[in-house]
């Protein structure tokens, strides 16, 4: 599945001049700290010599998109009435 994703990014998106945004950590942080970067960006750049523009998302820790109140379950912000959280 990962190889197919790299193929799609390379052939369909970057070769077609599209912008591709990736999160180099490969996962949502469990504690708000930066996680080690995964090698995906290097693998993409081996196939396509394209510019890389670093972007930071800040102020999200504590929002419904972070993991401050619940484990990473795929709930994506839908409140569970049984957990007592707002």
C-alpha atoms as a PDB file:
ATOM      1  CA  UNK A   1       0.000   0.000   0.000  1.00  0.00           C
ATOM      2  CA  UNK A   2       2.837   2.393   0.841  1.00  0.00           C
ATOM      3  CA  UNK A   3       4.598   1.742  -2.465  1.00  0.00           C
ATOM      4  CA  UNK A   4       1.336   2.396  -4.309  1.00  0.00           C
ATOM      5  CA  UNK A   5       1.007   5.726  -2.465  1.00  0.00           C
ATOM      6  CA  UNK A   6       4.561   6.722  -3.447  1.00  0.00           C
ATOM      7  CA  UNK A   7       3.812   5.740  -7.056  1.00  0.00           C
ATOM      8  CA  UNK A   8       0.653   7.864  -7.035  1.00  0.00           C
ATOM      9  CA  UNK A   9       2.433  10.876  -5.551  1.00  0.00           C
ATOM     10  CA  UNK A  10       5.248  10.562  -8.063  1.00  0.00           C
ATOM     11  CA  UNK A  11       3.402   9.765 -11.287  1.00  0.00           C
ATOM     12  CA  UNK A  12       0.040  11.425 -10.872  1.00  0.00           C
ATOM     13  CA  UNK A  13       0.605  14.380  -8.582  1.00  0.00           C
ATOM     14  CA  UNK A  14       4.162  15.720  -8.720  1.00  0.00           C
ATOM     15  CA  UNK A  15       4.751  14.862 -12.371  1.00  0.00           C
ATOM     16  CA  UNK A  16       1.507  16.710 -13.131  1.00  0.00           C
ATOM     17  CA  UNK A  17       2.661  19.834 -11.316  1.00  0.00           C
ATOM     18  CA  UNK A  18       0.381  19.396  -8.301  1.00  0.00           C
ATOM     19  CA  UNK A  19       1.198  20.418  -4.743  1.00  0.00           C
ATOM     20  CA  UNK A  20       1.543  17.512  -2.325  1.00  0.00           C
ATOM     21  CA  UNK A  21       1.390  18.075   1.427  1.00  0.00           C
ATOM     22  CA  UNK A  22       2.666  15.399   3.787  1.00  0.00           C
ATOM     23  CA  UNK A  23       3.216  15.186   7.502  1.00  0.00           C
ATOM     24  CA  UNK A  24       6.816  13.955   7.787  1.00  0.00           C
ATOM     25  CA  UNK A  25       6.250  12.451  11.232  1.00  0.00           C
ATOM     26  CA  UNK A  26       3.787   9.965   9.756  1.00  0.00           C
ATOM     27  CA  UNK A  27       1.410  10.121  12.732  1.00  0.00           C
ATOM     28  CA  UNK A  28      -0.319  12.403  15.186  1.00  0.00           C
ATOM     29  CA  UNK A  29       1.826  13.179  18.205  1.00  0.00           C
ATOM     30  CA  UNK A  30       0.669  11.530  21.416  1.00  0.00           C
ATOM     31  CA  UNK A  31       2.193  14.168  23.700  1.00  0.00           C
ATOM     32  CA  UNK A  32       2.415  17.401  21.696  1.00  0.00           C
ATOM     33  CA  UNK A  33       6.145  16.994  21.018  1.00  0.00           C
ATOM     34  CA  UNK A  34       7.699  16.607  17.594  1.00  0.00           C
ATOM     35  CA  UNK A  35       8.189  12.957  16.591  1.00  0.00           C
ATOM     36  CA  UNK A  36      11.091  11.721  14.473  1.00  0.00           C
ATOM     37  CA  UNK A  37      10.613  12.223  10.748  1.00  0.00           C
ATOM     38  CA  UNK A  38       9.901   9.161   8.633  1.00  0.00           C
ATOM     39  CA  UNK A  39      11.881   8.528   5.433  1.00  0.00           C
ATOM     40  CA  UNK A  40       8.958   9.114   3.052  1.00  0.00           C
ATOM     41  CA  UNK A  41      10.006  12.602   1.967  1.00  0.00           C
ATOM     42  CA  UNK A  42      13.441  11.289   0.963  1.00  0.00           C
ATOM     43  CA  UNK A  43      11.867   8.491  -1.043  1.00  0.00           C
ATOM     44  CA  UNK A  44       9.591  10.946  -2.830  1.00  0.00           C
ATOM     45  CA  UNK A  45      12.513  13.263  -3.634  1.00  0.00           C
ATOM     46  CA  UNK A  46      14.527  10.364  -5.062  1.00  0.00           C
ATOM     47  CA  UNK A  47      11.822  10.020  -7.726  1.00  0.00           C
ATOM     48  CA  UNK A  48      10.987  13.697  -8.248  1.00  0.00           C
ATOM     49  CA  UNK A  49      13.461  16.552  -7.806  1.00  0.00           C
ATOM     50  CA  UNK A  50      10.873  19.082  -6.661  1.00  0.00           C
ATOM     51  CA  UNK A  51      11.050  22.025  -4.238  1.00  0.00           C
ATOM     52  CA  UNK A  52      10.260  21.290  -0.595  1.00  0.00           C
ATOM     53  CA  UNK A  53       8.493  24.033   1.336  1.00  0.00           C
ATOM     54  CA  UNK A  54       8.441  23.426   5.108  1.00  0.00           C
ATOM     55  CA  UNK A  55       5.223  24.482   6.813  1.00  0.00           C
ATOM     56  CA  UNK A  56       4.375  24.309  10.514  1.00  0.00           C
ATOM     57  CA  UNK A  57       0.919  23.932  11.999  1.00  0.00           C
ATOM     58  CA  UNK A  58       0.849  25.502  15.431  1.00  0.00           C
ATOM     59  CA  UNK A  59      -1.787  25.976  18.089  1.00  0.00           C
ATOM     60  CA  UNK A  60      -3.468  22.630  17.429  1.00  0.00           C
ATOM     61  CA  UNK A  61      -2.394  20.867  20.624  1.00  0.00           C
ATOM     62  CA  UNK A  62      -5.474  20.736  22.829  1.00  0.00           C
ATOM     63  CA  UNK A  63      -7.898  21.056  19.901  1.00  0.00           C
ATOM     64  CA  UNK A  64     -10.256  18.311  18.735  1.00  0.00           C
ATOM     65  CA  UNK A  65      -7.514  17.255  16.294  1.00  0.00           C
ATOM     66  CA  UNK A  66      -4.979  16.482  19.028  1.00  0.00           C
ATOM     67  CA  UNK A  67      -4.719  13.534  21.377  1.00  0.00           C
ATOM     68  CA  UNK A  68      -5.002  15.406  24.672  1.00  0.00           C
ATOM     69  CA  UNK A  69      -8.309  13.887  25.769  1.00  0.00           C
ATOM     70  CA  UNK A  70      -8.474  10.529  24.060  1.00  0.00           C
ATOM     71  CA  UNK A  71      -6.248   7.868  22.581  1.00  0.00           C
ATOM     72  CA  UNK A  72      -5.774   7.721  18.805  1.00  0.00           C
ATOM     73  CA  UNK A  73      -8.926   5.780  17.953  1.00  0.00           C
ATOM     74  CA  UNK A  74      -9.988   7.353  14.693  1.00  0.00           C
ATOM     75  CA  UNK A  75     -12.795   9.204  16.492  1.00  0.00           C
ATOM     76  CA  UNK A  76     -11.682  12.499  14.867  1.00  0.00           C
ATOM     77  CA  UNK A  77     -13.495  14.887  17.158  1.00  0.00           C
ATOM     78  CA  UNK A  78     -16.796  13.092  17.600  1.00  0.00           C
ATOM     79  CA  UNK A  79     -17.626  13.262  21.284  1.00  0.00           C
ATOM     80  CA  UNK A  80     -18.345  10.079  23.176  1.00  0.00           C
ATOM     81  CA  UNK A  81     -21.141  10.996  25.635  1.00  0.00           C
ATOM     82  CA  UNK A  82     -20.003   8.274  28.037  1.00  0.00           C
ATOM     83  CA  UNK A  83     -16.542   9.741  28.624  1.00  0.00           C
ATOM     84  CA  UNK A  84     -17.703  12.927  30.374  1.00  0.00           C
ATOM     85  CA  UNK A  85     -15.574  15.240  28.230  1.00  0.00           C
ATOM     86  CA  UNK A  86     -17.010  18.409  26.690  1.00  0.00           C
END
